[in-house]
Structure formats: C-alpha cells, structure tokens
Amino acid sequence: MAEVLHLHDRHRELLLRLLREHLPGVDAWVYGSRVNGRSHDGSDLDLVLRGPGLQELPPGRLADFADAVRESNIPFLVEARDWARLPERFHREIEREHIWLNRKGCVHE
C-alpha cells in the first residue's frame, strides 16, 4: 500500500473542492507515479473515481468534473477514470498501490 502522495496541498485542496462540487458522494483514489515515488512536479495525476455502490458514474457528471479540472489552475494533467468502467485486472493493480483522498482534505491509505 502506498504511504505518501506527491501532491502540493493547494492542488489537493482544489481537487477536493472540485470533487465536492461536481461529484458529491464519490470517492477518489490516486494511483500511479504520484503514489509510487516516481513522479516529478509535472507528472500527471491518475485518479480513479468510485461512485456509490461502485456503480457507473453518469458520463455528464464525469465530463463536468474533467472540464472543471482543465479550467482550474492545476498545472498538470489529471486523468480521472470511472472505477466501474475499468477492467478487473486494472482494479487489482490500483488496489495494490493507491491513496484515498477523503472529503476532509486528509490523505489516507
């Protein structure tokens, strides 16, 4: 399990605000280089979004979130994917090494 999220607090707080605004009730897990220690300041941020009951997110809500992230001042690419639309093999990879962003702004394993 990952221990450290390589993300500035101001960007994490902005992401959390955008998640609350556009995807309330959806959990976000970060995976990839920002949790495995192989990132740099310009690395993209890989998010997987887990809707209530792990059901598919409405495409419009996901698109609205993606648009809001693009229009924000986050200086790197944010790739947001819907857990319910990913293959099971990808689930296993993400489950091995991820960090959960919670609604209180804290980072948890």
PDB file of N, CA and C in Angstrom:
ATOM      1  N   MET A   1       0.844  -1.182   0.000  1.00  0.00           N
ATOM      2  CA  MET A   1       0.000   0.000   0.000  1.00  0.00           C
ATOM      3  C   MET A   1       0.885   1.239   0.000  1.00  0.00           C
ATOM      4  N   ALA A   2       0.498   2.241  -0.727  1.00  0.00           N
ATOM      5  CA  ALA A   2       1.263   3.480  -0.814  1.00  0.00           C
ATOM      6  C   ALA A   2       1.187   4.251   0.494  1.00  0.00           C
ATOM      7  N   GLU A   3       2.242   5.013   0.774  1.00  0.00           N
ATOM      8  CA  GLU A   3       2.298   5.769   2.009  1.00  0.00           C
ATOM      9  C   GLU A   3       2.292   7.273   1.810  1.00  0.00           C
ATOM     10  N   VAL A   4       2.824   7.764   0.698  1.00  0.00           N
ATOM     11  CA  VAL A   4       2.975   9.196   0.501  1.00  0.00           C
ATOM     12  C   VAL A   4       2.370   9.615  -0.829  1.00  0.00           C
ATOM     13  N   LEU A   5       1.613  10.691  -0.785  1.00  0.00           N
ATOM     14  CA  LEU A   5       1.067  11.280  -2.001  1.00  0.00           C
ATOM     15  C   LEU A   5       1.930  12.482  -2.359  1.00  0.00           C
ATOM     16  N   HIS A   6       2.498  12.459  -3.548  1.00  0.00           N
ATOM     17  CA  HIS A   6       3.338  13.554  -4.018  1.00  0.00           C
ATOM     18  C   HIS A   6       2.452  14.569  -4.740  1.00  0.00           C
ATOM     19  N   LEU A   7       1.901  15.489  -3.933  1.00  0.00           N
ATOM     20  CA  LEU A   7       0.963  16.482  -4.442  1.00  0.00           C
ATOM     21  C   LEU A   7       0.967  17.656  -3.474  1.00  0.00           C
ATOM     22  N   HIS A   8       1.156  18.861  -3.991  1.00  0.00           N
ATOM     23  CA  HIS A   8       1.129  20.050  -3.146  1.00  0.00           C
ATOM     24  C   HIS A   8      -0.242  20.195  -2.488  1.00  0.00           C
ATOM     25  N   ASP A   9      -0.248  20.671  -1.261  1.00  0.00           N
ATOM     26  CA  ASP A   9      -1.504  20.846  -0.521  1.00  0.00           C
ATOM     27  C   ASP A   9      -2.510  21.690  -1.282  1.00  0.00           C
ATOM     28  N   ARG A  10      -2.058  22.760  -1.917  1.00  0.00           N
ATOM     29  CA  ARG A  10      -3.001  23.647  -2.616  1.00  0.00           C
ATOM     30  C   ARG A  10      -3.690  22.923  -3.766  1.00  0.00           C
ATOM     31  N   HIS A  11      -2.984  22.017  -4.432  1.00  0.00           N
ATOM     32  CA  HIS A  11      -3.601  21.266  -5.527  1.00  0.00           C
ATOM     33  C   HIS A  11      -4.545  20.196  -4.984  1.00  0.00           C
ATOM     34  N   ARG A  12      -4.148  19.556  -3.890  1.00  0.00           N
ATOM     35  CA  ARG A  12      -5.022  18.560  -3.257  1.00  0.00           C
ATOM     36  C   ARG A  12      -6.315  19.215  -2.792  1.00  0.00           C
ATOM     37  N   GLU A  13      -6.205  20.385  -2.159  1.00  0.00           N
ATOM     38  CA  GLU A  13      -7.399  21.077  -1.676  1.00  0.00           C
ATOM     39  C   GLU A  13      -8.309  21.496  -2.826  1.00  0.00           C
ATOM     40  N   LEU A  14      -7.732  21.951  -3.918  1.00  0.00           N
ATOM     41  CA  LEU A  14      -8.529  22.321  -5.083  1.00  0.00           C
ATOM     42  C   LEU A  14      -9.224  21.098  -5.675  1.00  0.00           C
ATOM     43  N   LEU A  15      -8.515  20.003  -5.792  1.00  0.00           N
ATOM     44  CA  LEU A  15      -9.141  18.766  -6.291  1.00  0.00           C
ATOM     45  C   LEU A  15     -10.302  18.333  -5.411  1.00  0.00           C
ATOM     46  N   LEU A  16     -10.117  18.408  -4.099  1.00  0.00           N
ATOM     47  CA  LEU A  16     -11.188  18.032  -3.182  1.00  0.00           C
ATOM     48  C   LEU A  16     -12.406  18.943  -3.347  1.00  0.00           C
ATOM     49  N   ARG A  17     -12.164  20.236  -3.535  1.00  0.00           N
ATOM     50  CA  ARG A  17     -13.275  21.172  -3.734  1.00  0.00           C
ATOM     51  C   ARG A  17     -14.029  20.839  -5.025  1.00  0.00           C
ATOM     52  N   LEU A  18     -13.288  20.572  -6.087  1.00  0.00           N
ATOM     53  CA  LEU A  18     -13.926  20.227  -7.361  1.00  0.00           C
ATOM     54  C   LEU A  18     -14.696  18.910  -7.265  1.00  0.00           C
ATOM     55  N   LEU A  19     -14.160  17.962  -6.524  1.00  0.00           N
ATOM     56  CA  LEU A  19     -14.877  16.699  -6.323  1.00  0.00           C
ATOM     57  C   LEU A  19     -16.185  16.941  -5.567  1.00  0.00           C
ATOM     58  N   ARG A  20     -16.138  17.753  -4.510  1.00  0.00           N
ATOM     59  CA  ARG A  20     -17.363  18.046  -3.744  1.00  0.00           C
ATOM     60  C   ARG A  20     -18.400  18.732  -4.623  1.00  0.00           C
ATOM     61  N   GLU A  21     -17.945  19.653  -5.474  1.00  0.00           N
ATOM     62  CA  GLU A  21     -18.868  20.404  -6.326  1.00  0.00           C
ATOM     63  C   GLU A  21     -19.471  19.561  -7.438  1.00  0.00           C
ATOM     64  N   HIS A  22     -18.662  18.741  -8.062  1.00  0.00           N
ATOM     65  CA  HIS A  22     -19.109  18.041  -9.277  1.00  0.00           C
ATOM     66  C   HIS A  22     -19.439  16.567  -9.073  1.00  0.00           C
ATOM     67  N   LEU A  23     -18.867  15.956  -8.047  1.00  0.00           N
ATOM     68  CA  LEU A  23     -19.083  14.520  -7.826  1.00  0.00           C
ATOM     69  C   LEU A  23     -19.297  14.232  -6.336  1.00  0.00           C
ATOM     70  N   PRO A  24     -20.324  14.847  -5.738  1.00  0.00           N
ATOM     71  CA  PRO A  24     -20.555  14.581  -4.310  1.00  0.00           C
ATOM     72  C   PRO A  24     -20.849  13.099  -4.078  1.00  0.00           C
ATOM     73  N   GLY A  25     -20.309  12.584  -2.998  1.00  0.00           N
ATOM     74  CA  GLY A  25     -20.536  11.180  -2.663  1.00  0.00           C
ATOM     75  C   GLY A  25     -19.646  10.204  -3.401  1.00  0.00           C
ATOM     76  N   VAL A  26     -18.722  10.714  -4.200  1.00  0.00           N
ATOM     77  CA  VAL A  26     -17.815   9.860  -4.968  1.00  0.00           C
ATOM     78  C   VAL A  26     -16.447   9.869  -4.304  1.00  0.00           C
ATOM     79  N   ASP A  27     -15.889   8.690  -4.087  1.00  0.00           N
ATOM     80  CA  ASP A  27     -14.541   8.578  -3.533  1.00  0.00           C
ATOM     81  C   ASP A  27     -13.519   8.664  -4.651  1.00  0.00           C
ATOM     82  N   ALA A  28     -12.380   9.285  -4.348  1.00  0.00           N
ATOM     83  CA  ALA A  28     -11.292   9.395  -5.324  1.00  0.00           C
ATOM     84  C   ALA A  28     -10.051   8.739  -4.759  1.00  0.00           C
ATOM     85  N   TRP A  29      -9.481   7.836  -5.533  1.00  0.00           N
ATOM     86  CA  TRP A  29      -8.211   7.207  -5.200  1.00  0.00           C
ATOM     87  C   TRP A  29      -7.175   7.700  -6.192  1.00  0.00           C
ATOM     88  N   VAL A  30      -5.990   8.029  -5.669  1.00  0.00           N
ATOM     89  CA  VAL A  30      -4.861   8.393  -6.519  1.00  0.00           C
ATOM     90  C   VAL A  30      -3.986   7.159  -6.668  1.00  0.00           C
ATOM     91  N   TYR A  31      -3.504   6.917  -7.883  1.00  0.00           N
ATOM     92  CA  TYR A  31      -2.609   5.787  -8.137  1.00  0.00           C
ATOM     93  C   TYR A  31      -1.550   6.243  -9.126  1.00  0.00           C
ATOM     94  N   GLY A  32      -0.613   5.406  -9.430  1.00  0.00           N
ATOM     95  CA  GLY A  32       0.410   5.735 -10.422  1.00  0.00           C
ATOM     96  C   GLY A  32       1.604   6.435  -9.810  1.00  0.00           C
ATOM     97  N   SER A  33       2.275   7.236 -10.617  1.00  0.00           N
ATOM     98  CA  SER A  33       3.571   7.809 -10.214  1.00  0.00           C
ATOM     99  C   SER A  33       3.483   8.717  -9.002  1.00  0.00           C
ATOM    100  N   ARG A  34       2.354   9.342  -8.760  1.00  0.00           N
ATOM    101  CA  ARG A  34       2.239  10.243  -7.610  1.00  0.00           C
ATOM    102  C   ARG A  34       2.136   9.495  -6.280  1.00  0.00           C
ATOM    103  N   VAL A  35       1.944   8.201  -6.333  1.00  0.00           N
ATOM    104  CA  VAL A  35       1.950   7.408  -5.096  1.00  0.00           C
ATOM    105  C   VAL A  35       3.087   6.395  -5.051  1.00  0.00           C
ATOM    106  N   ASN A  36       3.702   6.087  -6.182  1.00  0.00           N
ATOM    107  CA  ASN A  36       4.763   5.076  -6.156  1.00  0.00           C
ATOM    108  C   ASN A  36       6.161   5.681  -6.079  1.00  0.00           C
ATOM    109  N   GLY A  37       6.235   7.010  -5.936  1.00  0.00           N
ATOM    110  CA  GLY A  37       7.517   7.657  -5.749  1.00  0.00           C
ATOM    111  C   GLY A  37       8.284   7.975  -7.019  1.00  0.00           C
ATOM    112  N   ARG A  38       7.682   7.765  -8.178  1.00  0.00           N
ATOM    113  CA  ARG A  38       8.390   8.015  -9.436  1.00  0.00           C
ATOM    114  C   ARG A  38       7.892   9.272 -10.153  1.00  0.00           C
ATOM    115  N   SER A  39       7.324  10.212  -9.402  1.00  0.00           N
ATOM    116  CA  SER A  39       6.773  11.416 -10.023  1.00  0.00           C
ATOM    117  C   SER A  39       7.737  12.595  -9.923  1.00  0.00           C
ATOM    118  N   HIS A  40       7.426  13.623 -10.696  1.00  0.00           N
ATOM    119  CA  HIS A  40       8.092  14.922 -10.603  1.00  0.00           C
ATOM    120  C   HIS A  40       6.970  15.960 -10.619  1.00  0.00           C
ATOM    121  N   ASP A  41       7.296  17.231 -10.453  1.00  0.00           N
ATOM    122  CA  ASP A  41       6.252  18.260 -10.339  1.00  0.00           C
ATOM    123  C   ASP A  41       5.286  18.270 -11.517  1.00  0.00           C
ATOM    124  N   GLY A  42       5.752  17.933 -12.708  1.00  0.00           N
ATOM    125  CA  GLY A  42       4.895  17.958 -13.889  1.00  0.00           C
ATOM    126  C   GLY A  42       4.203  16.650 -14.213  1.00  0.00           C
ATOM    127  N   SER A  43       4.399  15.633 -13.383  1.00  0.00           N
ATOM    128  CA  SER A  43       3.756  14.335 -13.645  1.00  0.00           C
ATOM    129  C   SER A  43       2.246  14.477 -13.618  1.00  0.00           C
ATOM    130  N   ASP A  44       1.584  13.681 -14.458  1.00  0.00           N
ATOM    131  CA  ASP A  44       0.131  13.696 -14.411  1.00  0.00           C
ATOM    132  C   ASP A  44      -0.347  13.059 -13.104  1.00  0.00           C
ATOM    133  N   LEU A  45      -1.604  13.297 -12.785  1.00  0.00           N
ATOM    134  CA  LEU A  45      -2.223  12.727 -11.591  1.00  0.00           C
ATOM    135  C   LEU A  45      -3.285  11.748 -12.052  1.00  0.00           C
ATOM    136  N   ASP A  46      -3.144  10.499 -11.672  1.00  0.00           N
ATOM    137  CA  ASP A  46      -4.101   9.464 -12.048  1.00  0.00           C
ATOM    138  C   ASP A  46      -5.103   9.285 -10.920  1.00  0.00           C
ATOM    139  N   LEU A  47      -6.374   9.528 -11.223  1.00  0.00           N
ATOM    140  CA  LEU A  47      -7.468   9.370 -10.261  1.00  0.00           C
ATOM    141  C   LEU A  47      -8.399   8.278 -10.743  1.00  0.00           C
ATOM    142  N   VAL A  48      -8.881   7.482  -9.815  1.00  0.00           N
ATOM    143  CA  VAL A  48      -9.976   6.578 -10.124  1.00  0.00           C
ATOM    144  C   VAL A  48     -11.123   6.993  -9.211  1.00  0.00           C
ATOM    145  N   LEU A  49     -12.295   7.154  -9.798  1.00  0.00           N
ATOM    146  CA  LEU A  49     -13.469   7.646  -9.091  1.00  0.00           C
ATOM    147  C   LEU A  49     -14.420   6.488  -8.841  1.00  0.00           C
ATOM    148  N   ARG A  50     -14.786   6.330  -7.577  1.00  0.00           N
ATOM    149  CA  ARG A  50     -15.607   5.198  -7.149  1.00  0.00           C
ATOM    150  C   ARG A  50     -16.953   5.719  -6.655  1.00  0.00           C
ATOM    151  N   GLY A  51     -17.964   5.549  -7.483  1.00  0.00           N
ATOM    152  CA  GLY A  51     -19.293   6.036  -7.152  1.00  0.00           C
ATOM    153  C   GLY A  51     -19.960   5.198  -6.079  1.00  0.00           C
ATOM    154  N   PRO A  52     -21.059   5.691  -5.521  1.00  0.00           N
ATOM    155  CA  PRO A  52     -21.806   4.944  -4.512  1.00  0.00           C
ATOM    156  C   PRO A  52     -22.168   3.549  -5.026  1.00  0.00           C
ATOM    157  N   GLY A  53     -21.894   2.552  -4.210  1.00  0.00           N
ATOM    158  CA  GLY A  53     -22.162   1.173  -4.604  1.00  0.00           C
ATOM    159  C   GLY A  53     -21.307   0.697  -5.756  1.00  0.00           C
ATOM    160  N   LEU A  54     -20.256   1.451  -6.066  1.00  0.00           N
ATOM    161  CA  LEU A  54     -19.348   1.151  -7.183  1.00  0.00           C
ATOM    162  C   LEU A  54     -20.086   1.087  -8.522  1.00  0.00           C
ATOM    163  N   GLN A  55     -21.195   1.831  -8.600  1.00  0.00           N
ATOM    164  CA  GLN A  55     -21.954   1.912  -9.845  1.00  0.00           C
ATOM    165  C   GLN A  55     -21.301   2.904 -10.792  1.00  0.00           C
ATOM    166  N   GLU A  56     -21.587   2.774 -12.087  1.00  0.00           N
ATOM    167  CA  GLU A  56     -21.043   3.702 -13.077  1.00  0.00           C
ATOM    168  C   GLU A  56     -21.496   5.122 -12.777  1.00  0.00           C
ATOM    169  N   LEU A  57     -20.592   6.053 -12.982  1.00  0.00           N
ATOM    170  CA  LEU A  57     -20.915   7.468 -12.838  1.00  0.00           C
ATOM    171  C   LEU A  57     -21.609   7.948 -14.103  1.00  0.00           C
ATOM    172  N   PRO A  58     -22.577   8.843 -13.965  1.00  0.00           N
ATOM    173  CA  PRO A  58     -23.192   9.405 -15.174  1.00  0.00           C
ATOM    174  C   PRO A  58     -22.125  10.120 -16.003  1.00  0.00           C
ATOM    175  N   PRO A  59     -22.052   9.836 -17.295  1.00  0.00           N
ATOM    176  CA  PRO A  59     -20.994  10.428 -18.131  1.00  0.00           C
ATOM    177  C   PRO A  59     -20.954  11.952 -18.070  1.00  0.00           C
ATOM    178  N   GLY A  60     -22.095  12.586 -17.963  1.00  0.00           N
ATOM    179  CA  GLY A  60     -22.130  14.047 -17.904  1.00  0.00           C
ATOM    180  C   GLY A  60     -21.460  14.594 -16.662  1.00  0.00           C
ATOM    181  N   ARG A  61     -21.655  13.920 -15.527  1.00  0.00           N
ATOM    182  CA  ARG A  61     -21.020  14.378 -14.279  1.00  0.00           C
ATOM    183  C   ARG A  61     -19.513  14.212 -14.364  1.00  0.00           C
ATOM    184  N   LEU A  62     -19.059  13.112 -14.929  1.00  0.00           N
ATOM    185  CA  LEU A  62     -17.622  12.883 -15.093  1.00  0.00           C
ATOM    186  C   LEU A  62     -17.026  13.926 -16.042  1.00  0.00           C
ATOM    187  N   ALA A  63     -17.726  14.231 -17.101  1.00  0.00           N
ATOM    188  CA  ALA A  63     -17.257  15.237 -18.059  1.00  0.00           C
ATOM    189  C   ALA A  63     -17.215  16.625 -17.427  1.00  0.00           C
ATOM    190  N   ASP A  64     -18.216  16.952 -16.618  1.00  0.00           N
ATOM    191  CA  ASP A  64     -18.224  18.250 -15.937  1.00  0.00           C
ATOM    192  C   ASP A  64     -17.033  18.375 -14.990  1.00  0.00           C
ATOM    193  N   PHE A  65     -16.725  17.302 -14.264  1.00  0.00           N
ATOM    194  CA  PHE A  65     -15.571  17.306 -13.371  1.00  0.00           C
ATOM    195  C   PHE A  65     -14.285  17.493 -14.187  1.00  0.00           C
ATOM    196  N   ALA A  66     -14.144  16.753 -15.264  1.00  0.00           N
ATOM    197  CA  ALA A  66     -12.940  16.851 -16.095  1.00  0.00           C
ATOM    198  C   ALA A  66     -12.783  18.264 -16.658  1.00  0.00           C
ATOM    199  N   ASP A  67     -13.880  18.875 -17.078  1.00  0.00           N
ATOM    200  CA  ASP A  67     -13.826  20.246 -17.590  1.00  0.00           C
ATOM    201  C   ASP A  67     -13.394  21.213 -16.494  1.00  0.00           C
ATOM    202  N   ALA A  68     -13.950  21.053 -15.299  1.00  0.00           N
ATOM    203  CA  ALA A  68     -13.600  21.940 -14.183  1.00  0.00           C
ATOM    204  C   ALA A  68     -12.120  21.809 -13.826  1.00  0.00           C
ATOM    205  N   VAL A  69     -11.598  20.599 -13.871  1.00  0.00           N
ATOM    206  CA  VAL A  69     -10.177  20.399 -13.580  1.00  0.00           C
ATOM    207  C   VAL A  69      -9.335  21.081 -14.653  1.00  0.00           C
ATOM    208  N   ARG A  70      -9.696  20.927 -15.917  1.00  0.00           N
ATOM    209  CA  ARG A  70      -8.944  21.557 -17.011  1.00  0.00           C
ATOM    210  C   ARG A  70      -8.959  23.077 -16.897  1.00  0.00           C
ATOM    211  N   GLU A  71     -10.084  23.640 -16.438  1.00  0.00           N
ATOM    212  CA  GLU A  71     -10.219  25.090 -16.318  1.00  0.00           C
ATOM    213  C   GLU A  71      -9.599  25.633 -15.031  1.00  0.00           C
ATOM    214  N   SER A  72      -9.192  24.764 -14.134  1.00  0.00           N
ATOM    215  CA  SER A  72      -8.597  25.193 -12.868  1.00  0.00           C
ATOM    216  C   SER A  72      -7.138  25.589 -13.093  1.00  0.00           C
ATOM    217  N   ASN A  73      -6.500  26.000 -12.010  1.00  0.00           N
ATOM    218  CA  ASN A  73      -5.087  26.361 -12.117  1.00  0.00           C
ATOM    219  C   ASN A  73      -4.163  25.207 -11.739  1.00  0.00           C
ATOM    220  N   ILE A  74      -4.656  23.990 -11.807  1.00  0.00           N
ATOM    221  CA  ILE A  74      -3.809  22.818 -11.570  1.00  0.00           C
ATOM    222  C   ILE A  74      -2.863  22.702 -12.766  1.00  0.00           C
ATOM    223  N   PRO A  75      -1.544  22.749 -12.516  1.00  0.00           N
ATOM    224  CA  PRO A  75      -0.582  22.865 -13.613  1.00  0.00           C
ATOM    225  C   PRO A  75      -0.129  21.548 -14.252  1.00  0.00           C
ATOM    226  N   PHE A  76      -0.899  20.499 -14.082  1.00  0.00           N
ATOM    227  CA  PHE A  76      -0.541  19.208 -14.669  1.00  0.00           C
ATOM    228  C   PHE A  76      -1.816  18.504 -15.095  1.00  0.00           C
ATOM    229  N   LEU A  77      -1.666  17.509 -15.928  1.00  0.00           N
ATOM    230  CA  LEU A  77      -2.799  16.742 -16.424  1.00  0.00           C
ATOM    231  C   LEU A  77      -3.373  15.872 -15.315  1.00  0.00           C
ATOM    232  N   VAL A  78      -4.697  15.877 -15.186  1.00  0.00           N
ATOM    233  CA  VAL A  78      -5.392  14.998 -14.253  1.00  0.00           C
ATOM    234  C   VAL A  78      -6.215  14.023 -15.080  1.00  0.00           C
ATOM    235  N   GLU A  79      -5.882  12.751 -14.962  1.00  0.00           N
ATOM    236  CA  GLU A  79      -6.605  11.690 -15.670  1.00  0.00           C
ATOM    237  C   GLU A  79      -7.585  11.058 -14.686  1.00  0.00           C
ATOM    238  N   ALA A  80      -8.875  11.288 -14.876  1.00  0.00           N
ATOM    239  CA  ALA A  80      -9.902  10.746 -13.981  1.00  0.00           C
ATOM    240  C   ALA A  80     -10.654   9.636 -14.709  1.00  0.00           C
ATOM    241  N   ARG A  81     -10.677   8.467 -14.080  1.00  0.00           N
ATOM    242  CA  ARG A  81     -11.352   7.303 -14.668  1.00  0.00           C
ATOM    243  C   ARG A  81     -12.423   6.779 -13.713  1.00  0.00           C
ATOM    244  N   ASP A  82     -13.458   6.223 -14.291  1.00  0.00           N
ATOM    245  CA  ASP A  82     -14.556   5.642 -13.525  1.00  0.00           C
ATOM    246  C   ASP A  82     -14.220   4.190 -13.194  1.00  0.00           C
ATOM    247  N   TRP A  83     -14.164   3.876 -11.914  1.00  0.00           N
ATOM    248  CA  TRP A  83     -13.854   2.521 -11.438  1.00  0.00           C
ATOM    249  C   TRP A  83     -14.740   1.488 -12.119  1.00  0.00           C
ATOM    250  N   ALA A  84     -16.014   1.777 -12.228  1.00  0.00           N
ATOM    251  CA  ALA A  84     -16.975   0.810 -12.769  1.00  0.00           C
ATOM    252  C   ALA A  84     -16.733   0.502 -14.249  1.00  0.00           C
ATOM    253  N   ARG A  85     -16.001   1.341 -14.929  1.00  0.00           N
ATOM    254  CA  ARG A  85     -15.744   1.133 -16.358  1.00  0.00           C
ATOM    255  C   ARG A  85     -14.360   0.553 -16.640  1.00  0.00           C
ATOM    256  N   LEU A  86     -13.593   0.304 -15.600  1.00  0.00           N
ATOM    257  CA  LEU A  86     -12.251  -0.253 -15.773  1.00  0.00           C
ATOM    258  C   LEU A  86     -12.283  -1.776 -15.711  1.00  0.00           C
ATOM    259  N   PRO A  87     -11.395  -2.438 -16.420  1.00  0.00           N
ATOM    260  CA  PRO A  87     -11.322  -3.897 -16.350  1.00  0.00           C
ATOM    261  C   PRO A  87     -10.878  -4.365 -14.958  1.00  0.00           C
ATOM    262  N   GLU A  88     -11.313  -5.538 -14.588  1.00  0.00           N
ATOM    263  CA  GLU A  88     -10.994  -6.112 -13.273  1.00  0.00           C
ATOM    264  C   GLU A  88      -9.490  -6.184 -13.028  1.00  0.00           C
ATOM    265  N   ARG A  89      -8.700  -6.501 -14.024  1.00  0.00           N
ATOM    266  CA  ARG A  89      -7.245  -6.584 -13.829  1.00  0.00           C
ATOM    267  C   ARG A  89      -6.668  -5.232 -13.414  1.00  0.00           C
ATOM    268  N   PHE A  90      -7.257  -4.155 -13.914  1.00  0.00           N
ATOM    269  CA  PHE A  90      -6.819  -2.816 -13.541  1.00  0.00           C
ATOM    270  C   PHE A  90      -7.213  -2.513 -12.095  1.00  0.00           C
ATOM    271  N   HIS A  91      -8.375  -3.007 -11.673  1.00  0.00           N
ATOM    272  CA  HIS A  91      -8.798  -2.850 -10.269  1.00  0.00           C
ATOM    273  C   HIS A  91      -7.730  -3.410  -9.338  1.00  0.00           C
ATOM    274  N   ARG A  92      -7.261  -4.605  -9.648  1.00  0.00           N
ATOM    275  CA  ARG A  92      -6.265  -5.260  -8.778  1.00  0.00           C
ATOM    276  C   ARG A  92      -4.982  -4.452  -8.691  1.00  0.00           C
ATOM    277  N   GLU A  93      -4.539  -3.898  -9.820  1.00  0.00           N
ATOM    278  CA  GLU A  93      -3.315  -3.079  -9.818  1.00  0.00           C
ATOM    279  C   GLU A  93      -3.499  -1.837  -8.953  1.00  0.00           C
ATOM    280  N   ILE A  94      -4.627  -1.157  -9.101  1.00  0.00           N
ATOM    281  CA  ILE A  94      -4.885   0.065  -8.340  1.00  0.00           C
ATOM    282  C   ILE A  94      -5.024  -0.259  -6.853  1.00  0.00           C
ATOM    283  N   GLU A  95      -5.709  -1.347  -6.524  1.00  0.00           N
ATOM    284  CA  GLU A  95      -5.904  -1.714  -5.117  1.00  0.00           C
ATOM    285  C   GLU A  95      -4.578  -1.956  -4.404  1.00  0.00           C
ATOM    286  N   ARG A  96      -3.575  -2.439  -5.130  1.00  0.00           N
ATOM    287  CA  ARG A  96      -2.267  -2.712  -4.530  1.00  0.00           C
ATOM    288  C   ARG A  96      -1.541  -1.446  -4.101  1.00  0.00           C
ATOM    289  N   GLU A  97      -1.706  -0.368  -4.848  1.00  0.00           N
ATOM    290  CA  GLU A  97      -0.938   0.838  -4.575  1.00  0.00           C
ATOM    291  C   GLU A  97      -1.771   2.077  -4.917  1.00  0.00           C
ATOM    292  N   HIS A  98      -2.425   2.609  -3.901  1.00  0.00           N
ATOM    293  CA  HIS A  98      -3.249   3.799  -4.077  1.00  0.00           C
ATOM    294  C   HIS A  98      -3.300   4.583  -2.766  1.00  0.00           C
ATOM    295  N   ILE A  99      -3.779   5.799  -2.863  1.00  0.00           N
ATOM    296  CA  ILE A  99      -4.060   6.625  -1.697  1.00  0.00           C
ATOM    297  C   ILE A  99      -5.434   7.236  -1.915  1.00  0.00           C
ATOM    298  N   TRP A 100      -6.220   7.221  -0.865  1.00  0.00           N
ATOM    299  CA  TRP A 100      -7.591   7.724  -0.916  1.00  0.00           C
ATOM    300  C   TRP A 100      -7.609   9.184  -0.493  1.00  0.00           C
ATOM    301  N   LEU A 101      -8.245  10.032  -1.284  1.00  0.00           N
ATOM    302  CA  LEU A 101      -8.469  11.423  -0.895  1.00  0.00           C
ATOM    303  C   LEU A 101      -9.824  11.482  -0.214  1.00  0.00           C
ATOM    304  N   ASN A 102      -9.843  11.881   1.042  1.00  0.00           N
ATOM    305  CA  ASN A 102     -11.145  11.945   1.693  1.00  0.00           C
ATOM    306  C   ASN A 102     -11.714  13.348   1.660  1.00  0.00           C
ATOM    307  N   ARG A 103     -12.928  13.491   2.046  1.00  0.00           N
ATOM    308  CA  ARG A 103     -13.638  14.763   1.957  1.00  0.00           C
ATOM    309  C   ARG A 103     -13.160  15.801   2.969  1.00  0.00           C
ATOM    310  N   LYS A 104     -12.442  15.410   3.994  1.00  0.00           N
ATOM    311  CA  LYS A 104     -11.949  16.365   4.986  1.00  0.00           C
ATOM    312  C   LYS A 104     -10.588  16.921   4.585  1.00  0.00           C
ATOM    313  N   GLY A 105     -10.102  16.541   3.447  1.00  0.00           N
ATOM    314  CA  GLY A 105      -8.846  17.071   2.962  1.00  0.00           C
ATOM    315  C   GLY A 105      -7.640  16.290   3.414  1.00  0.00           C
ATOM    316  N   CYS A 106      -7.848  15.186   4.093  1.00  0.00           N
ATOM    317  CA  CYS A 106      -6.732  14.358   4.560  1.00  0.00           C
ATOM    318  C   CYS A 106      -6.450  13.281   3.522  1.00  0.00           C
ATOM    319  N   VAL A 107      -5.257  12.773   3.603  1.00  0.00           N
ATOM    320  CA  VAL A 107      -4.877  11.693   2.712  1.00  0.00           C
ATOM    321  C   VAL A 107      -4.773  10.428   3.543  1.00  0.00           C
ATOM    322  N   HIS A 108      -5.378   9.372   3.078  1.00  0.00           N
ATOM    323  CA  HIS A 108      -5.375   8.081   3.778  1.00  0.00           C
ATOM    324  C   HIS A 108      -4.905   6.998   2.820  1.00  0.00           C
ATOM    325  N   GLU A 109      -4.371   5.958   3.391  1.00  0.00           N
ATOM    326  CA  GLU A 109      -4.019   4.766   2.587  1.00  0.00           C
ATOM    327  C   GLU A 109      -5.264   3.929   2.427  1.00  0.00           C
TER     328      GLU A 109
END
